[in-house]
Amino acid sequence: MHKFLKIVVALLSLIGIVSLFRIIAEGNEGMKKAFASGDTTLFEPMAWVAYIILALTLVLVVFFVLKGLFTHTSSLKSTLIGVGVFLAILAIAFVVSAGDERAYFYNNMQATANESQLVGGGLIAFYVLAVIAVLSMVFTGIKKMIR
């Protein structure tokens, strides 16, 4: 597995380096012309390398997290509680958020009330999670100072 990953990393690095040199060799004016004409062949290999690296990273992280959860079943309960609380915060934030009926435009397309509610719910969830994170850091700091 280690040897296979080394080969994949070497191939992706080589493709990325070749793509980078192609972009640099094209120059600033060449890139502007490519963007203006809609020609993305110069940039696609670099984007695909990034997509592949992101996908591999996500797959490996999920694999090792699940492997760790099922090998150490004592932490499974607390992990599921944490995931449940996170999902509950997201659901409550979505319900509390009201869809705005005003017209919002993005890329010349009007956002629907549901999209507005999703964005509002995401913002509320972010604020709630940020407050929880700050409070937990403050609580931990105070607890350490008391000891």
Protein backbone atom coordinates (compact mmCIF):
# COMPACT_ATOMS: atom_id res chain seq x y z
CA MET A 1 0.00 0.00 0.00
CA HIS A 2 2.81 2.38 0.90
CA LYS A 3 4.65 1.69 -2.37
CA PHE A 4 1.42 2.20 -4.34
CA LEU A 5 0.76 5.55 -2.65
CA LYS A 6 4.34 6.65 -3.36
CA ILE A 7 3.83 5.89 -7.06
CA VAL A 8 0.50 7.77 -7.12
CA VAL A 9 2.06 10.77 -5.36
CA ALA A 10 4.99 10.76 -7.80
CA LEU A 11 2.65 10.62 -10.82
CA LEU A 12 0.40 13.39 -9.53
CA SER A 13 3.43 15.52 -8.68
CA LEU A 14 4.88 15.01 -12.14
CA ILE A 15 1.58 15.93 -13.83
CA GLY A 16 1.28 19.00 -11.60
CA ILE A 17 4.84 20.13 -12.34
CA VAL A 18 4.39 19.68 -16.09
CA SER A 19 1.10 21.59 -15.94
CA LEU A 20 2.71 24.37 -13.94
CA PHE A 21 5.54 24.73 -16.47
CA ARG A 22 3.01 24.79 -19.32
CA ILE A 23 1.10 27.59 -17.59
CA ILE A 24 4.29 29.54 -16.88
CA ALA A 25 5.56 29.05 -20.46
CA GLU A 26 2.27 30.33 -21.88
CA GLY A 27 2.80 33.66 -20.16
CA ASN A 28 0.39 36.23 -18.87
CA GLU A 29 -0.92 37.32 -22.27
CA GLY A 30 -1.46 33.74 -23.38
CA MET A 31 -3.45 32.99 -20.24
CA LYS A 32 -5.60 36.09 -20.77
CA LYS A 33 -6.33 35.01 -24.36
CA ALA A 34 -7.17 31.49 -23.21
CA PHE A 35 -9.57 32.82 -20.57
CA ALA A 36 -11.19 35.23 -23.02
CA SER A 37 -11.76 32.52 -25.62
CA GLY A 38 -12.98 30.00 -23.06
CA ASP A 39 -10.10 27.60 -23.76
CA THR A 40 -9.40 25.72 -20.53
CA THR A 41 -7.07 23.01 -21.86
CA LEU A 42 -4.09 24.77 -20.31
CA PHE A 43 -5.58 24.71 -16.83
CA GLU A 44 -7.57 21.45 -16.82
CA PRO A 45 -4.68 19.08 -15.94
CA MET A 46 -3.84 21.14 -12.85
CA ALA A 47 -7.50 21.20 -11.82
CA TRP A 48 -7.82 17.43 -12.28
CA VAL A 49 -4.73 16.84 -10.16
CA ALA A 50 -6.32 18.95 -7.42
CA TYR A 51 -9.61 17.02 -7.71
CA ILE A 52 -7.83 13.67 -7.53
CA ILE A 53 -5.77 14.72 -4.51
CA LEU A 54 -8.90 16.00 -2.76
CA ALA A 55 -10.78 12.77 -3.50
CA LEU A 56 -7.89 10.59 -2.30
CA THR A 57 -7.55 12.65 0.86
CA LEU A 58 -11.26 12.39 1.63
CA VAL A 59 -11.35 8.64 0.98
CA LEU A 60 -8.32 8.00 3.17
CA VAL A 61 -9.58 10.21 5.99
CA VAL A 62 -13.01 8.57 5.99
CA PHE A 63 -11.45 5.10 5.82
CA PHE A 64 -9.10 5.66 8.75
CA VAL A 65 -11.74 7.42 10.85
CA LEU A 66 -14.17 4.53 10.36
CA LYS A 67 -11.41 2.00 10.99
CA GLY A 68 -10.50 3.77 14.22
CA LEU A 69 -14.12 3.96 15.31
CA PHE A 70 -14.79 0.28 14.80
CA THR A 71 -11.52 -0.89 16.34
CA HIS A 72 -12.01 1.28 19.46
CA THR A 73 -15.71 0.80 20.14
CA SER A 74 -15.47 2.69 23.43
CA SER A 75 -15.20 5.97 21.51
CA LEU A 76 -18.05 5.06 19.16
CA LYS A 77 -20.77 6.20 21.57
CA SER A 78 -19.24 9.64 22.17
CA THR A 79 -18.60 10.08 18.44
CA LEU A 80 -22.20 9.26 17.57
CA ILE A 81 -23.41 11.69 20.26
CA GLY A 82 -21.20 14.41 18.79
CA VAL A 83 -22.45 13.76 15.26
CA GLY A 84 -26.04 13.74 16.51
CA VAL A 85 -25.59 17.07 18.31
CA PHE A 86 -23.99 18.55 15.18
CA LEU A 87 -26.88 17.37 12.99
CA ALA A 88 -29.39 18.68 15.55
CA ILE A 89 -27.72 22.11 15.48
CA LEU A 90 -27.91 22.12 11.67
CA ALA A 91 -31.58 21.11 11.70
CA ILE A 92 -32.55 23.66 14.35
CA ALA A 93 -30.64 26.41 12.51
CA PHE A 94 -32.46 25.56 9.28
CA VAL A 95 -35.87 25.58 10.98
CA VAL A 96 -35.17 28.84 12.81
CA SER A 97 -33.93 30.53 9.65
CA ALA A 98 -36.69 32.14 7.63
CA GLY A 99 -36.56 32.24 3.86
CA ASP A 100 -36.22 35.82 2.69
CA GLU A 101 -38.70 36.86 0.03
CA ARG A 102 -36.50 39.67 -1.28
CA ALA A 103 -34.87 39.14 -4.65
CA TYR A 104 -31.23 38.10 -4.36
CA PHE A 105 -29.26 37.56 -7.55
CA TYR A 106 -26.13 35.50 -8.07
CA ASN A 107 -24.70 35.08 -11.56
CA ASN A 108 -27.86 36.71 -12.95
CA MET A 109 -30.04 34.03 -11.35
CA GLN A 110 -32.53 34.79 -8.62
CA ALA A 111 -32.14 32.87 -5.37
CA THR A 112 -35.25 31.07 -4.18
CA ALA A 113 -36.70 31.33 -0.67
CA ASN A 114 -35.41 27.80 0.07
CA GLU A 115 -31.88 28.75 -1.01
CA SER A 116 -32.10 31.84 1.16
CA GLN A 117 -33.24 29.67 4.08
CA LEU A 118 -30.32 27.27 3.51
CA VAL A 119 -27.83 30.15 3.55
CA GLY A 120 -29.45 31.66 6.65
CA GLY A 121 -29.46 28.29 8.38
CA GLY A 122 -25.80 27.80 7.51
CA LEU A 123 -24.91 31.18 8.97
CA ILE A 124 -26.88 30.52 12.16
CA ALA A 125 -25.26 27.09 12.53
CA PHE A 126 -21.83 28.65 11.99
CA TYR A 127 -22.47 31.26 14.68
CA VAL A 128 -23.77 28.68 17.16
CA LEU A 129 -20.82 26.35 16.54
CA ALA A 130 -18.36 29.27 16.81
CA VAL A 131 -19.85 30.31 20.16
CA ILE A 132 -19.68 26.71 21.39
CA ALA A 133 -16.03 26.48 20.32
CA VAL A 134 -15.08 29.75 22.03
CA LEU A 135 -16.94 28.83 25.21
CA SER A 136 -15.30 25.41 25.33
CA MET A 137 -11.85 27.00 24.98
CA VAL A 138 -12.63 29.54 27.70
CA PHE A 139 -14.05 26.82 29.97
CA THR A 140 -10.98 24.61 29.43
CA GLY A 141 -8.65 27.54 30.13
CA ILE A 142 -10.45 28.44 33.35
CA LYS A 143 -10.50 24.80 34.42
CA LYS A 144 -6.71 24.54 33.90
CA MET A 145 -6.10 27.78 35.85
CA ILE A 146 -8.11 26.48 38.81
CA ARG A 147 -6.05 23.26 39.02
